[in-house]
C-alpha atoms as a PDB file:
ATOM      1  CA  MET A   1       8.990  10.988 -40.809  1.00  0.00           C
ATOM      2  CA  LYS A   2       5.191  11.112 -40.573  1.00  0.00           C
ATOM      3  CA  MET A   3       5.213   7.532 -39.228  1.00  0.00           C
ATOM      4  CA  LEU A   4       7.731   8.482 -36.605  1.00  0.00           C
ATOM      5  CA  LEU A   5       5.657  11.441 -35.451  1.00  0.00           C
ATOM      6  CA  ALA A   6       2.499   9.375 -35.424  1.00  0.00           C
ATOM      7  CA  GLY A   7       4.189   6.709 -33.350  1.00  0.00           C
ATOM      8  CA  LEU A   8       5.545   9.258 -30.979  1.00  0.00           C
ATOM      9  CA  LEU A   9       2.138  10.872 -30.634  1.00  0.00           C
ATOM     10  CA  ILE A  10       0.540   7.543 -29.869  1.00  0.00           C
ATOM     11  CA  THR A  11       3.157   6.766 -27.215  1.00  0.00           C
ATOM     12  CA  VAL A  12       2.591  10.124 -25.561  1.00  0.00           C
ATOM     13  CA  VAL A  13      -1.179   9.605 -25.436  1.00  0.00           C
ATOM     14  CA  ILE A  14      -0.805   6.103 -23.965  1.00  0.00           C
ATOM     15  CA  VAL A  15       1.725   7.211 -21.308  1.00  0.00           C
ATOM     16  CA  SER A  16      -0.376  10.201 -20.381  1.00  0.00           C
ATOM     17  CA  SER A  17      -3.473   8.076 -20.062  1.00  0.00           C
ATOM     18  CA  PHE A  18      -1.680   5.594 -17.863  1.00  0.00           C
ATOM     19  CA  ALA A  19      -0.405   8.389 -15.595  1.00  0.00           C
ATOM     20  CA  VAL A  20      -3.949   9.716 -15.134  1.00  0.00           C
ATOM     21  CA  ILE A  21      -5.263   6.241 -14.278  1.00  0.00           C
ATOM     22  CA  VAL A  22      -2.472   5.532 -11.771  1.00  0.00           C
ATOM     23  CA  ASN A  23      -2.829   8.976 -10.150  1.00  0.00           C
ATOM     24  CA  GLY A  24      -6.535   8.454  -9.799  1.00  0.00           C
ATOM     25  CA  MET A  25      -6.125   5.187  -7.893  1.00  0.00           C
ATOM     26  CA  LYS A  26      -5.085   6.377  -4.489  1.00  0.00           C
ATOM     27  CA  ALA A  27      -4.739   4.113  -1.515  1.00  0.00           C
ATOM     28  CA  PRO A  28      -7.417   4.704   1.078  1.00  0.00           C
ATOM     29  CA  GLU A  29      -6.528   6.611   4.250  1.00  0.00           C
ATOM     30  CA  PRO A  30      -6.739   4.654   7.476  1.00  0.00           C
ATOM     31  CA  VAL A  31      -9.431   5.971   9.798  1.00  0.00           C
ATOM     32  CA  SER A  32      -7.809   4.571  12.895  1.00  0.00           C
ATOM     33  CA  TYR A  33      -5.085   2.202  14.079  1.00  0.00           C
ATOM     34  CA  GLU A  34      -5.191  -0.841  16.347  1.00  0.00           C
ATOM     35  CA  CYS A  35      -2.215  -1.329  18.590  1.00  0.00           C
ATOM     36  CA  TYR A  36      -0.562  -4.756  18.474  1.00  0.00           C
ATOM     37  CA  VAL A  37       2.426  -6.157  20.434  1.00  0.00           C
ATOM     38  CA  VAL A  38       4.587  -8.379  18.258  1.00  0.00           C
ATOM     39  CA  GLU A  39       5.001 -11.988  19.431  1.00  0.00           C
ATOM     40  CA  LYS A  40       7.686 -14.511  18.434  1.00  0.00           C
ATOM     41  CA  GLY A  41       7.099 -15.781  14.922  1.00  0.00           C
ATOM     42  CA  ASP A  42       4.931 -12.820  13.844  1.00  0.00           C
ATOM     43  CA  THR A  43       5.408 -11.210  10.403  1.00  0.00           C
ATOM     44  CA  LEU A  44       4.121  -8.012   9.025  1.00  0.00           C
ATOM     45  CA  TRP A  45       2.250 -10.023   6.467  1.00  0.00           C
ATOM     46  CA  GLY A  46       0.468 -12.053   9.172  1.00  0.00           C
ATOM     47  CA  ILE A  47      -0.254  -9.057  11.291  1.00  0.00           C
ATOM     48  CA  ALA A  48      -1.614  -7.102   8.306  1.00  0.00           C
ATOM     49  CA  HIS A  49      -4.258  -9.845   7.905  1.00  0.00           C
ATOM     50  CA  GLN A  50      -5.787  -8.557  11.151  1.00  0.00           C
ATOM     51  CA  SER A  51      -6.829  -5.412   9.378  1.00  0.00           C
ATOM     52  CA  ASP A  52     -10.535  -5.178   8.603  1.00  0.00           C
ATOM     53  CA  MET A  53      -9.835  -4.626   4.916  1.00  0.00           C
ATOM     54  CA  TRP A  54      -7.040  -7.043   4.008  1.00  0.00           C
ATOM     55  CA  ASN A  55      -9.262  -8.795   1.519  1.00  0.00           C
ATOM     56  CA  LYS A  56     -10.278  -5.548  -0.220  1.00  0.00           C
ATOM     57  CA  ILE A  57      -7.021  -3.546  -0.180  1.00  0.00           C
ATOM     58  CA  ALA A  58      -3.661  -4.773  -1.438  1.00  0.00           C
ATOM     59  CA  ILE A  59      -1.793  -6.302   1.498  1.00  0.00           C
ATOM     60  CA  SER A  60       1.266  -4.261   0.458  1.00  0.00           C
ATOM     61  CA  ILE A  61      -0.653  -1.031   1.040  1.00  0.00           C
ATOM     62  CA  ILE A  62      -1.631  -2.221   4.564  1.00  0.00           C
ATOM     63  CA  ILE A  63       1.969  -3.253   5.276  1.00  0.00           C
ATOM     64  CA  ASN A  64       3.305   0.114   4.100  1.00  0.00           C
ATOM     65  CA  ASP A  65       0.774   1.968   6.281  1.00  0.00           C
ATOM     66  CA  MET A  66       1.845  -0.246   9.260  1.00  0.00           C
ATOM     67  CA  LYS A  67       5.574   0.406   8.654  1.00  0.00           C
ATOM     68  CA  GLU A  68       5.004   4.140   8.318  1.00  0.00           C
ATOM     69  CA  ARG A  69       2.834   4.514  11.441  1.00  0.00           C
ATOM     70  CA  SER A  70       4.912   2.161  13.498  1.00  0.00           C
ATOM     71  CA  ASN A  71       8.241   3.653  12.327  1.00  0.00           C
ATOM     72  CA  CYS A  72       9.627   0.205  11.591  1.00  0.00           C
ATOM     73  CA  THR A  73      11.275  -1.652   8.707  1.00  0.00           C
ATOM     74  CA  THR A  74      10.415  -5.086   7.427  1.00  0.00           C
ATOM     75  CA  THR A  75      12.200  -6.631  10.435  1.00  0.00           C
ATOM     76  CA  ILE A  76      10.059  -6.731  13.619  1.00  0.00           C
ATOM     77  CA  TYR A  77      10.903  -8.068  17.052  1.00  0.00           C
ATOM     78  CA  PRO A  78       8.896  -9.667  19.908  1.00  0.00           C
ATOM     79  CA  GLY A  79       7.661  -6.957  22.217  1.00  0.00           C
ATOM     80  CA  GLN A  80       7.691  -4.300  19.594  1.00  0.00           C
ATOM     81  CA  VAL A  81       4.465  -2.348  19.149  1.00  0.00           C
ATOM     82  CA  VAL A  82       3.037  -2.031  15.611  1.00  0.00           C
ATOM     83  CA  TYR A  83      -0.077  -0.218  14.572  1.00  0.00           C
ATOM     84  CA  ILE A  84      -2.569  -2.023  12.270  1.00  0.00           C
ATOM     85  CA  PRO A  85      -4.427   0.392  10.021  1.00  0.00           C
ATOM     86  CA  MET A  86      -8.246   0.264  10.006  1.00  0.00           C
ATOM     87  CA  TYR A  87     -10.118   1.581   7.007  1.00  0.00           C
ATOM     88  CA  ASN A  88     -13.693   2.561   6.193  1.00  0.00           C
ATOM     89  CA  ASN A  89     -15.625  -0.281   4.628  1.00  0.00           C
END
């Protein structure tokens, strides 16, 4: 019984520590957005690389910011306007 309680206590401590670490790692807020008109063959991934921070911030964060601000899904079309997030360096 003592082993079970000790194991449970260790699990709770580990999970709690992980939750604190994850919550402390927030994605940066964009300071501005650059307007971009989608061209044939463009992808969100490719457009996201135009952000000034693509090599310092996970590309998935940039894409999620683009999708949210541009009110779009993962499918984009030529002529559609998307907004590329710009962050503080």
